[in-house]
Amino acid sequence: MSHKKLWLILSVLFLLEGTLLPWLVPVAWQSKVQVDPHFVLVIVLFIGLYINRHTALVYGLVFGMLHDFIYHSPMLGPVSFGMGLAGYLAGMLQGRIYSSIVISMVVIGLGNLFYDTAIYGLFRLFRVTHTNLEWVFLHQMLPSMLINLLFALAIYVPIRKLFESLPVKQTEEME
């Protein structure tokens, strides 16, 4: 199996994030919290953990730039930067720590918080948003992280089997 299946999975999740998933959030929640599922980010973090940090960086930059162009970014680059850097940082842990489901969920949770914090920091730096960090953390970052962790937990076994079946190149084995 080649990486074509991974591109297909990320493309389908990218389309679902912007089209179907916003309708699935209950209306009662939308007034109190803002839940943004970052399912592509979860897969990019899994790529960093189980394949390679450079591969995660590329996938994060490509799909982050698509997010910047298509969905919600008032400026180009923050989502691409945050997603690529989060995937790269998750990939730096590959081989350094024992890979288990608990460690994977901790890394994915911290990666989601890092991604949301980086985007908030860039938006705050360039004065795109004026909301304070406490409100954003409680009403946007934590609910989004919980939804993303539930998704990551649901797909952990299939995605790990997919990554174990991907061909490994000689250069990646030497890292």
N, C-alpha and C. Protein backbone atom coordinates (compact mmCIF):
# COMPACT_ATOMS: atom_id res chain seq x y z
N MET A 1 0.85 -1.17 0.00
CA MET A 1 0.00 0.00 0.00
C MET A 1 0.90 1.24 0.00
N SER A 2 0.55 2.21 -0.77
CA SER A 2 1.34 3.43 -0.84
C SER A 2 0.67 4.53 -0.02
N HIS A 3 1.23 5.69 -0.11
CA HIS A 3 0.69 6.83 0.63
C HIS A 3 -0.56 7.41 -0.03
N LYS A 4 -0.99 6.84 -1.15
CA LYS A 4 -2.19 7.33 -1.82
C LYS A 4 -3.42 7.18 -0.94
N LYS A 5 -3.47 6.09 -0.19
CA LYS A 5 -4.60 5.88 0.71
C LYS A 5 -4.63 6.92 1.82
N LEU A 6 -3.46 7.31 2.28
CA LEU A 6 -3.37 8.35 3.31
C LEU A 6 -3.82 9.70 2.78
N TRP A 7 -3.44 10.02 1.54
CA TRP A 7 -3.91 11.26 0.91
C TRP A 7 -5.43 11.25 0.77
N LEU A 8 -5.98 10.11 0.41
CA LEU A 8 -7.43 9.99 0.26
C LEU A 8 -8.14 10.18 1.60
N ILE A 9 -7.62 9.56 2.64
CA ILE A 9 -8.23 9.69 3.98
C ILE A 9 -8.18 11.14 4.44
N LEU A 10 -7.04 11.78 4.29
CA LEU A 10 -6.91 13.18 4.70
C LEU A 10 -7.81 14.10 3.87
N SER A 11 -7.94 13.82 2.59
CA SER A 11 -8.82 14.64 1.75
C SER A 11 -10.28 14.50 2.14
N VAL A 12 -10.71 13.28 2.43
CA VAL A 12 -12.11 13.06 2.86
C VAL A 12 -12.35 13.75 4.20
N LEU A 13 -11.43 13.60 5.14
CA LEU A 13 -11.58 14.27 6.45
C LEU A 13 -11.57 15.78 6.30
N PHE A 14 -10.76 16.29 5.39
CA PHE A 14 -10.72 17.73 5.14
C PHE A 14 -12.07 18.24 4.65
N LEU A 15 -12.69 17.50 3.75
CA LEU A 15 -14.00 17.90 3.24
C LEU A 15 -15.08 17.77 4.31
N LEU A 16 -15.01 16.73 5.12
CA LEU A 16 -16.00 16.53 6.18
C LEU A 16 -15.92 17.61 7.26
N GLU A 17 -14.70 18.07 7.56
CA GLU A 17 -14.53 19.09 8.59
C GLU A 17 -15.30 20.37 8.27
N GLY A 18 -15.34 20.74 7.04
CA GLY A 18 -15.97 22.00 6.68
C GLY A 18 -17.40 21.89 6.21
N THR A 19 -17.85 20.69 5.87
CA THR A 19 -19.19 20.56 5.31
C THR A 19 -20.17 19.89 6.27
N LEU A 20 -19.89 18.69 6.67
CA LEU A 20 -20.85 17.91 7.44
C LEU A 20 -20.75 18.12 8.95
N LEU A 21 -19.54 18.19 9.47
CA LEU A 21 -19.37 18.23 10.92
C LEU A 21 -19.93 19.48 11.61
N PRO A 22 -19.90 20.66 11.00
CA PRO A 22 -20.52 21.80 11.68
C PRO A 22 -22.03 21.63 11.91
N TRP A 23 -22.69 20.82 11.12
CA TRP A 23 -24.11 20.58 11.31
C TRP A 23 -24.39 19.58 12.42
N LEU A 24 -23.40 18.78 12.78
CA LEU A 24 -23.60 17.75 13.80
C LEU A 24 -23.48 18.27 15.23
N VAL A 25 -22.93 19.47 15.40
CA VAL A 25 -22.82 20.05 16.73
C VAL A 25 -24.20 20.56 17.14
N PRO A 26 -24.70 20.14 18.32
CA PRO A 26 -26.03 20.58 18.76
C PRO A 26 -26.14 22.09 18.87
N VAL A 27 -27.32 22.61 18.57
CA VAL A 27 -27.55 24.05 18.59
C VAL A 27 -27.37 24.62 19.99
N ALA A 28 -27.73 23.87 21.02
CA ALA A 28 -27.59 24.34 22.40
C ALA A 28 -26.11 24.57 22.75
N TRP A 29 -25.21 23.79 22.18
CA TRP A 29 -23.79 23.97 22.46
C TRP A 29 -23.22 25.20 21.76
N GLN A 30 -23.79 25.56 20.63
CA GLN A 30 -23.20 26.61 19.81
C GLN A 30 -23.26 27.99 20.46
N SER A 31 -24.14 28.19 21.42
CA SER A 31 -24.20 29.48 22.10
C SER A 31 -23.19 29.58 23.23
N LYS A 32 -22.78 28.43 23.80
CA LYS A 32 -21.87 28.44 24.95
C LYS A 32 -20.43 28.11 24.58
N VAL A 33 -20.24 27.16 23.69
CA VAL A 33 -18.88 26.76 23.30
C VAL A 33 -18.79 26.70 21.78
N GLN A 34 -17.56 26.78 21.31
CA GLN A 34 -17.31 26.66 19.88
C GLN A 34 -16.44 25.42 19.68
N VAL A 35 -17.03 24.37 19.14
CA VAL A 35 -16.33 23.11 18.92
C VAL A 35 -15.86 23.07 17.47
N ASP A 36 -14.54 23.01 17.31
CA ASP A 36 -13.95 22.90 15.98
C ASP A 36 -13.23 21.57 15.88
N PRO A 37 -13.79 20.61 15.18
CA PRO A 37 -13.09 19.34 15.03
C PRO A 37 -11.92 19.51 14.06
N HIS A 38 -10.75 19.11 14.52
CA HIS A 38 -9.53 19.17 13.69
C HIS A 38 -9.09 17.74 13.40
N PHE A 39 -9.89 17.02 12.63
CA PHE A 39 -9.61 15.62 12.37
C PHE A 39 -8.38 15.44 11.49
N VAL A 40 -8.14 16.37 10.58
CA VAL A 40 -6.94 16.29 9.75
C VAL A 40 -5.71 16.46 10.63
N LEU A 41 -5.78 17.36 11.61
CA LEU A 41 -4.67 17.55 12.54
C LEU A 41 -4.40 16.28 13.33
N VAL A 42 -5.45 15.58 13.73
CA VAL A 42 -5.27 14.33 14.48
C VAL A 42 -4.50 13.32 13.62
N ILE A 43 -4.86 13.22 12.36
CA ILE A 43 -4.16 12.28 11.47
C ILE A 43 -2.71 12.74 11.25
N VAL A 44 -2.49 14.03 11.12
CA VAL A 44 -1.13 14.55 10.95
C VAL A 44 -0.30 14.23 12.20
N LEU A 45 -0.89 14.35 13.38
CA LEU A 45 -0.17 13.99 14.60
C LEU A 45 0.13 12.50 14.65
N PHE A 46 -0.81 11.67 14.20
CA PHE A 46 -0.55 10.23 14.11
C PHE A 46 0.58 9.95 13.12
N ILE A 47 0.60 10.68 12.01
CA ILE A 47 1.68 10.51 11.03
C ILE A 47 3.02 10.83 11.67
N GLY A 48 3.05 11.92 12.44
CA GLY A 48 4.29 12.27 13.13
C GLY A 48 4.72 11.21 14.12
N LEU A 49 3.77 10.63 14.83
CA LEU A 49 4.10 9.63 15.84
C LEU A 49 4.52 8.30 15.23
N TYR A 50 3.89 7.89 14.14
CA TYR A 50 4.09 6.53 13.65
C TYR A 50 4.82 6.42 12.32
N ILE A 51 4.97 7.51 11.57
CA ILE A 51 5.67 7.41 10.29
C ILE A 51 6.99 8.18 10.35
N ASN A 52 6.89 9.53 10.33
CA ASN A 52 8.10 10.33 10.23
C ASN A 52 7.74 11.78 10.48
N ARG A 53 8.62 12.53 11.12
CA ARG A 53 8.32 13.94 11.40
C ARG A 53 8.32 14.79 10.15
N HIS A 54 9.16 14.46 9.18
CA HIS A 54 9.20 15.24 7.94
C HIS A 54 7.94 15.01 7.10
N THR A 55 7.46 13.79 7.10
CA THR A 55 6.21 13.48 6.39
C THR A 55 5.05 14.22 7.04
N ALA A 56 5.03 14.24 8.37
CA ALA A 56 3.97 14.96 9.08
C ALA A 56 4.04 16.45 8.80
N LEU A 57 5.24 16.98 8.71
CA LEU A 57 5.41 18.40 8.39
C LEU A 57 4.83 18.71 7.02
N VAL A 58 5.11 17.88 6.04
CA VAL A 58 4.61 18.12 4.68
C VAL A 58 3.09 18.03 4.64
N TYR A 59 2.53 16.95 5.23
CA TYR A 59 1.07 16.83 5.25
C TYR A 59 0.44 18.00 6.00
N GLY A 60 1.04 18.40 7.12
CA GLY A 60 0.51 19.52 7.89
C GLY A 60 0.54 20.83 7.12
N LEU A 61 1.64 21.08 6.42
CA LEU A 61 1.74 22.31 5.64
C LEU A 61 0.74 22.33 4.49
N VAL A 62 0.61 21.20 3.79
CA VAL A 62 -0.30 21.15 2.63
C VAL A 62 -1.75 21.31 3.07
N PHE A 63 -2.18 20.50 4.03
CA PHE A 63 -3.58 20.58 4.44
C PHE A 63 -3.87 21.82 5.28
N GLY A 64 -2.87 22.34 5.97
CA GLY A 64 -3.05 23.61 6.68
C GLY A 64 -3.23 24.76 5.71
N MET A 65 -2.47 24.74 4.62
CA MET A 65 -2.63 25.80 3.62
C MET A 65 -3.99 25.70 2.94
N LEU A 66 -4.47 24.46 2.73
CA LEU A 66 -5.82 24.31 2.19
C LEU A 66 -6.86 24.89 3.15
N HIS A 67 -6.66 24.66 4.46
CA HIS A 67 -7.56 25.26 5.45
C HIS A 67 -7.50 26.78 5.36
N ASP A 68 -6.30 27.32 5.24
CA ASP A 68 -6.16 28.77 5.15
C ASP A 68 -6.88 29.32 3.93
N PHE A 69 -6.75 28.65 2.80
CA PHE A 69 -7.38 29.14 1.58
C PHE A 69 -8.89 28.97 1.59
N ILE A 70 -9.38 27.81 2.01
CA ILE A 70 -10.77 27.46 1.79
C ILE A 70 -11.68 27.83 2.95
N TYR A 71 -11.29 27.54 4.18
CA TYR A 71 -12.27 27.60 5.25
C TYR A 71 -12.34 28.91 6.03
N HIS A 72 -11.43 29.18 6.90
CA HIS A 72 -11.77 30.19 7.89
C HIS A 72 -10.69 31.20 8.23
N SER A 73 -9.56 31.16 7.63
CA SER A 73 -8.47 32.01 8.08
C SER A 73 -8.55 33.40 7.46
N PRO A 74 -8.48 34.45 8.28
CA PRO A 74 -8.48 35.81 7.73
C PRO A 74 -7.14 36.19 7.11
N MET A 75 -6.11 35.38 7.36
CA MET A 75 -4.81 35.61 6.73
C MET A 75 -4.21 34.26 6.36
N LEU A 76 -3.31 34.26 5.40
CA LEU A 76 -2.71 33.02 4.92
C LEU A 76 -1.50 32.63 5.77
N GLY A 77 -1.46 31.38 6.19
CA GLY A 77 -0.29 30.87 6.86
C GLY A 77 -0.42 30.38 8.28
N PRO A 78 -1.28 30.96 9.13
CA PRO A 78 -1.29 30.53 10.53
C PRO A 78 -1.70 29.07 10.72
N VAL A 79 -2.72 28.62 10.01
CA VAL A 79 -3.18 27.24 10.17
C VAL A 79 -2.13 26.30 9.60
N SER A 80 -1.53 26.66 8.48
CA SER A 80 -0.48 25.85 7.88
C SER A 80 0.72 25.76 8.82
N PHE A 81 1.12 26.87 9.39
CA PHE A 81 2.24 26.90 10.33
C PHE A 81 1.94 26.05 11.56
N GLY A 82 0.78 26.24 12.15
CA GLY A 82 0.43 25.50 13.36
C GLY A 82 0.31 24.01 13.13
N MET A 83 -0.33 23.62 12.04
CA MET A 83 -0.52 22.19 11.76
C MET A 83 0.81 21.52 11.40
N GLY A 84 1.62 22.18 10.60
CA GLY A 84 2.91 21.62 10.24
C GLY A 84 3.84 21.49 11.43
N LEU A 85 3.89 22.53 12.25
CA LEU A 85 4.77 22.50 13.42
C LEU A 85 4.30 21.48 14.46
N ALA A 86 2.99 21.37 14.66
CA ALA A 86 2.47 20.38 15.61
C ALA A 86 2.80 18.96 15.14
N GLY A 87 2.65 18.69 13.85
CA GLY A 87 3.01 17.38 13.32
C GLY A 87 4.49 17.10 13.45
N TYR A 88 5.32 18.11 13.19
CA TYR A 88 6.76 17.94 13.30
C TYR A 88 7.17 17.67 14.75
N LEU A 89 6.61 18.42 15.68
CA LEU A 89 6.94 18.22 17.10
C LEU A 89 6.49 16.86 17.59
N ALA A 90 5.33 16.40 17.12
CA ALA A 90 4.88 15.04 17.49
C ALA A 90 5.82 14.01 16.90
N GLY A 91 6.33 14.27 15.72
CA GLY A 91 7.26 13.34 15.09
C GLY A 91 8.61 13.29 15.78
N MET A 92 8.97 14.33 16.51
CA MET A 92 10.23 14.32 17.24
C MET A 92 10.19 13.31 18.39
N LEU A 93 9.01 12.92 18.81
CA LEU A 93 8.88 11.93 19.88
C LEU A 93 8.95 10.50 19.36
N GLN A 94 8.90 10.33 18.04
CA GLN A 94 8.93 8.98 17.45
C GLN A 94 10.23 8.29 17.80
N GLY A 95 10.11 7.12 18.40
CA GLY A 95 11.28 6.33 18.75
C GLY A 95 11.94 6.74 20.05
N ARG A 96 11.59 7.89 20.60
CA ARG A 96 12.19 8.34 21.85
C ARG A 96 11.41 7.88 23.07
N ILE A 97 10.13 7.65 22.88
CA ILE A 97 9.29 7.17 23.97
C ILE A 97 8.57 5.91 23.53
N TYR A 98 8.15 5.14 24.50
CA TYR A 98 7.41 3.92 24.19
C TYR A 98 6.06 4.31 23.61
N SER A 99 5.70 3.69 22.52
CA SER A 99 4.46 4.03 21.83
C SER A 99 3.31 3.17 22.36
N SER A 100 2.42 3.80 23.10
CA SER A 100 1.23 3.12 23.58
C SER A 100 0.04 4.03 23.33
N ILE A 101 -1.14 3.52 23.60
CA ILE A 101 -2.34 4.32 23.36
C ILE A 101 -2.41 5.52 24.30
N VAL A 102 -1.95 5.36 25.52
CA VAL A 102 -1.98 6.47 26.48
C VAL A 102 -1.04 7.58 26.04
N ILE A 103 0.18 7.21 25.67
CA ILE A 103 1.15 8.21 25.21
C ILE A 103 0.65 8.89 23.93
N SER A 104 0.07 8.11 23.04
CA SER A 104 -0.46 8.68 21.80
C SER A 104 -1.56 9.70 22.09
N MET A 105 -2.46 9.39 23.00
CA MET A 105 -3.55 10.31 23.33
C MET A 105 -3.02 11.57 24.02
N VAL A 106 -2.02 11.43 24.87
CA VAL A 106 -1.42 12.60 25.51
C VAL A 106 -0.76 13.49 24.47
N VAL A 107 -0.02 12.90 23.55
CA VAL A 107 0.64 13.69 22.50
C VAL A 107 -0.39 14.36 21.59
N ILE A 108 -1.46 13.66 21.27
CA ILE A 108 -2.49 14.25 20.41
C ILE A 108 -3.22 15.37 21.15
N GLY A 109 -3.52 15.18 22.42
CA GLY A 109 -4.15 16.25 23.20
C GLY A 109 -3.26 17.47 23.30
N LEU A 110 -1.98 17.27 23.61
CA LEU A 110 -1.06 18.40 23.69
C LEU A 110 -0.82 19.03 22.32
N GLY A 111 -0.81 18.22 21.27
CA GLY A 111 -0.66 18.75 19.92
C GLY A 111 -1.84 19.62 19.53
N ASN A 112 -3.05 19.20 19.91
CA ASN A 112 -4.24 20.03 19.64
C ASN A 112 -4.18 21.34 20.41
N LEU A 113 -3.79 21.28 21.67
CA LEU A 113 -3.66 22.52 22.45
C LEU A 113 -2.59 23.43 21.88
N PHE A 114 -1.47 22.84 21.47
CA PHE A 114 -0.40 23.64 20.86
C PHE A 114 -0.89 24.31 19.57
N TYR A 115 -1.58 23.55 18.74
CA TYR A 115 -2.11 24.08 17.47
C TYR A 115 -3.06 25.25 17.73
N ASP A 116 -4.02 25.06 18.62
CA ASP A 116 -4.99 26.12 18.91
C ASP A 116 -4.31 27.34 19.55
N THR A 117 -3.33 27.09 20.42
CA THR A 117 -2.62 28.19 21.07
C THR A 117 -1.77 28.96 20.06
N ALA A 118 -1.13 28.26 19.13
CA ALA A 118 -0.32 28.92 18.12
C ALA A 118 -1.19 29.80 17.21
N ILE A 119 -2.33 29.27 16.81
CA ILE A 119 -3.22 30.07 15.96
C ILE A 119 -3.76 31.28 16.73
N TYR A 120 -4.17 31.06 17.99
CA TYR A 120 -4.65 32.18 18.80
C TYR A 120 -3.53 33.22 18.97
N GLY A 121 -2.31 32.75 19.24
CA GLY A 121 -1.20 33.68 19.43
C GLY A 121 -0.91 34.50 18.19
N LEU A 122 -0.95 33.86 17.02
CA LEU A 122 -0.72 34.60 15.77
C LEU A 122 -1.85 35.57 15.48
N PHE A 123 -3.08 35.16 15.72
CA PHE A 123 -4.21 36.06 15.51
C PHE A 123 -4.16 37.24 16.49
N ARG A 124 -3.76 36.98 17.70
CA ARG A 124 -3.65 38.05 18.70
C ARG A 124 -2.49 38.98 18.36
N LEU A 125 -1.37 38.40 17.88
CA LEU A 125 -0.21 39.20 17.50
C LEU A 125 -0.54 40.17 16.38
N PHE A 126 -1.28 39.71 15.39
CA PHE A 126 -1.62 40.56 14.26
C PHE A 126 -2.98 41.25 14.43
N ARG A 127 -3.51 41.23 15.64
CA ARG A 127 -4.74 41.93 16.03
C ARG A 127 -5.96 41.54 15.19
N VAL A 128 -6.05 40.24 14.92
CA VAL A 128 -7.22 39.71 14.23
C VAL A 128 -8.31 39.43 15.25
N THR A 129 -7.92 39.03 16.46
CA THR A 129 -8.88 38.76 17.52
C THR A 129 -8.52 39.58 18.76
N HIS A 130 -9.54 39.87 19.56
CA HIS A 130 -9.32 40.65 20.78
C HIS A 130 -9.86 39.94 22.01
N THR A 131 -10.28 38.70 21.87
CA THR A 131 -10.77 37.96 23.03
C THR A 131 -9.60 37.51 23.88
N ASN A 132 -9.86 37.37 25.19
CA ASN A 132 -8.76 36.99 26.08
C ASN A 132 -8.54 35.48 26.06
N LEU A 133 -7.34 35.08 26.47
CA LEU A 133 -6.92 33.69 26.38
C LEU A 133 -7.75 32.79 27.28
N GLU A 134 -8.16 33.27 28.44
CA GLU A 134 -8.95 32.44 29.36
C GLU A 134 -10.28 32.01 28.74
N TRP A 135 -10.98 32.95 28.11
CA TRP A 135 -12.26 32.61 27.49
C TRP A 135 -12.05 31.66 26.32
N VAL A 136 -11.06 31.92 25.50
CA VAL A 136 -10.79 31.06 24.35
C VAL A 136 -10.41 29.66 24.81
N PHE A 137 -9.60 29.56 25.87
CA PHE A 137 -9.18 28.26 26.37
C PHE A 137 -10.38 27.45 26.88
N LEU A 138 -11.26 28.09 27.64
CA LEU A 138 -12.39 27.36 28.22
C LEU A 138 -13.51 27.09 27.24
N HIS A 139 -13.75 27.98 26.29
CA HIS A 139 -14.90 27.84 25.40
C HIS A 139 -14.58 27.33 24.01
N GLN A 140 -13.31 27.32 23.62
CA GLN A 140 -12.96 26.84 22.29
C GLN A 140 -11.92 25.72 22.32
N MET A 141 -10.81 25.95 23.03
CA MET A 141 -9.71 24.99 22.98
C MET A 141 -10.04 23.67 23.68
N LEU A 142 -10.56 23.72 24.90
CA LEU A 142 -10.86 22.48 25.63
C LEU A 142 -11.96 21.65 24.97
N PRO A 143 -13.09 22.25 24.58
CA PRO A 143 -14.10 21.42 23.90
C PRO A 143 -13.59 20.82 22.58
N SER A 144 -12.81 21.57 21.82
CA SER A 144 -12.26 21.05 20.58
C SER A 144 -11.28 19.92 20.86
N MET A 145 -10.46 20.08 21.89
CA MET A 145 -9.50 19.03 22.23
C MET A 145 -10.22 17.75 22.64
N LEU A 146 -11.31 17.87 23.39
CA LEU A 146 -12.04 16.68 23.82
C LEU A 146 -12.67 15.95 22.64
N ILE A 147 -13.25 16.68 21.71
CA ILE A 147 -13.83 16.06 20.50
C ILE A 147 -12.74 15.39 19.68
N ASN A 148 -11.60 16.05 19.54
CA ASN A 148 -10.51 15.47 18.77
C ASN A 148 -9.92 14.24 19.46
N LEU A 149 -9.86 14.24 20.78
CA LEU A 149 -9.37 13.06 21.50
C LEU A 149 -10.34 11.89 21.36
N LEU A 150 -11.63 12.16 21.37
CA LEU A 150 -12.60 11.08 21.14
C LEU A 150 -12.45 10.50 19.74
N PHE A 151 -12.25 11.35 18.76
CA PHE A 151 -12.01 10.88 17.40
C PHE A 151 -10.73 10.07 17.32
N ALA A 152 -9.66 10.56 17.95
CA ALA A 152 -8.38 9.85 17.92
C ALA A 152 -8.48 8.49 18.60
N LEU A 153 -9.24 8.43 19.67
CA LEU A 153 -9.43 7.15 20.36
C LEU A 153 -10.22 6.18 19.51
N ALA A 154 -11.20 6.70 18.78
CA ALA A 154 -12.04 5.84 17.94
C ALA A 154 -11.27 5.26 16.75
N ILE A 155 -10.31 6.00 16.23
CA ILE A 155 -9.59 5.53 15.04
C ILE A 155 -8.20 4.99 15.35
N TYR A 156 -7.83 4.87 16.61
CA TYR A 156 -6.47 4.49 16.98
C TYR A 156 -6.05 3.15 16.36
N VAL A 157 -6.84 2.12 16.53
CA VAL A 157 -6.47 0.79 16.03
C VAL A 157 -6.43 0.75 14.51
N PRO A 158 -7.46 1.24 13.79
CA PRO A 158 -7.36 1.17 12.32
C PRO A 158 -6.22 2.01 11.74
N ILE A 159 -5.97 3.17 12.32
CA ILE A 159 -4.92 4.03 11.76
C ILE A 159 -3.54 3.46 12.05
N ARG A 160 -3.38 2.83 13.21
CA ARG A 160 -2.09 2.21 13.52
C ARG A 160 -1.83 1.02 12.60
N LYS A 161 -2.87 0.23 12.32
CA LYS A 161 -2.70 -0.88 11.37
C LYS A 161 -2.37 -0.36 9.98
N LEU A 162 -2.99 0.75 9.58
CA LEU A 162 -2.70 1.35 8.28
C LEU A 162 -1.25 1.79 8.21
N PHE A 163 -0.77 2.43 9.26
CA PHE A 163 0.61 2.91 9.25
C PHE A 163 1.62 1.77 9.29
N GLU A 164 1.28 0.70 9.97
CA GLU A 164 2.19 -0.45 10.01
C GLU A 164 2.25 -1.17 8.67
N SER A 165 1.21 -1.02 7.84
CA SER A 165 1.21 -1.68 6.53
C SER A 165 1.86 -0.82 5.44
N LEU A 166 2.17 0.46 5.74
CA LEU A 166 2.81 1.32 4.74
C LEU A 166 4.26 0.90 4.53
N PRO A 167 4.76 1.03 3.30
CA PRO A 167 6.16 0.67 3.06
C PRO A 167 7.09 1.68 3.75
N VAL A 168 8.20 1.17 4.28
CA VAL A 168 9.18 2.01 4.95
C VAL A 168 10.39 2.10 4.06
N LYS A 169 10.85 3.34 3.82
CA LYS A 169 12.02 3.57 2.98
C LYS A 169 13.31 3.39 3.79
N GLN A 170 14.40 3.17 3.12
CA GLN A 170 15.70 2.97 3.78
C GLN A 170 16.09 4.21 4.59
N THR A 171 15.86 5.41 4.06
CA THR A 171 16.28 6.61 4.77
C THR A 171 15.47 6.82 6.03
N GLU A 172 14.22 6.42 6.02
CA GLU A 172 13.39 6.59 7.21
C GLU A 172 13.78 5.59 8.29
N GLU A 173 14.28 4.43 7.91
CA GLU A 173 14.70 3.46 8.91
C GLU A 173 15.96 3.92 9.63
N MET A 174 16.80 4.68 8.94
CA MET A 174 18.07 5.12 9.53
C MET A 174 17.88 6.25 10.51
N GLU A 175 16.78 6.99 10.46
CA GLU A 175 16.54 8.10 11.36
C GLU A 175 16.39 7.62 12.72
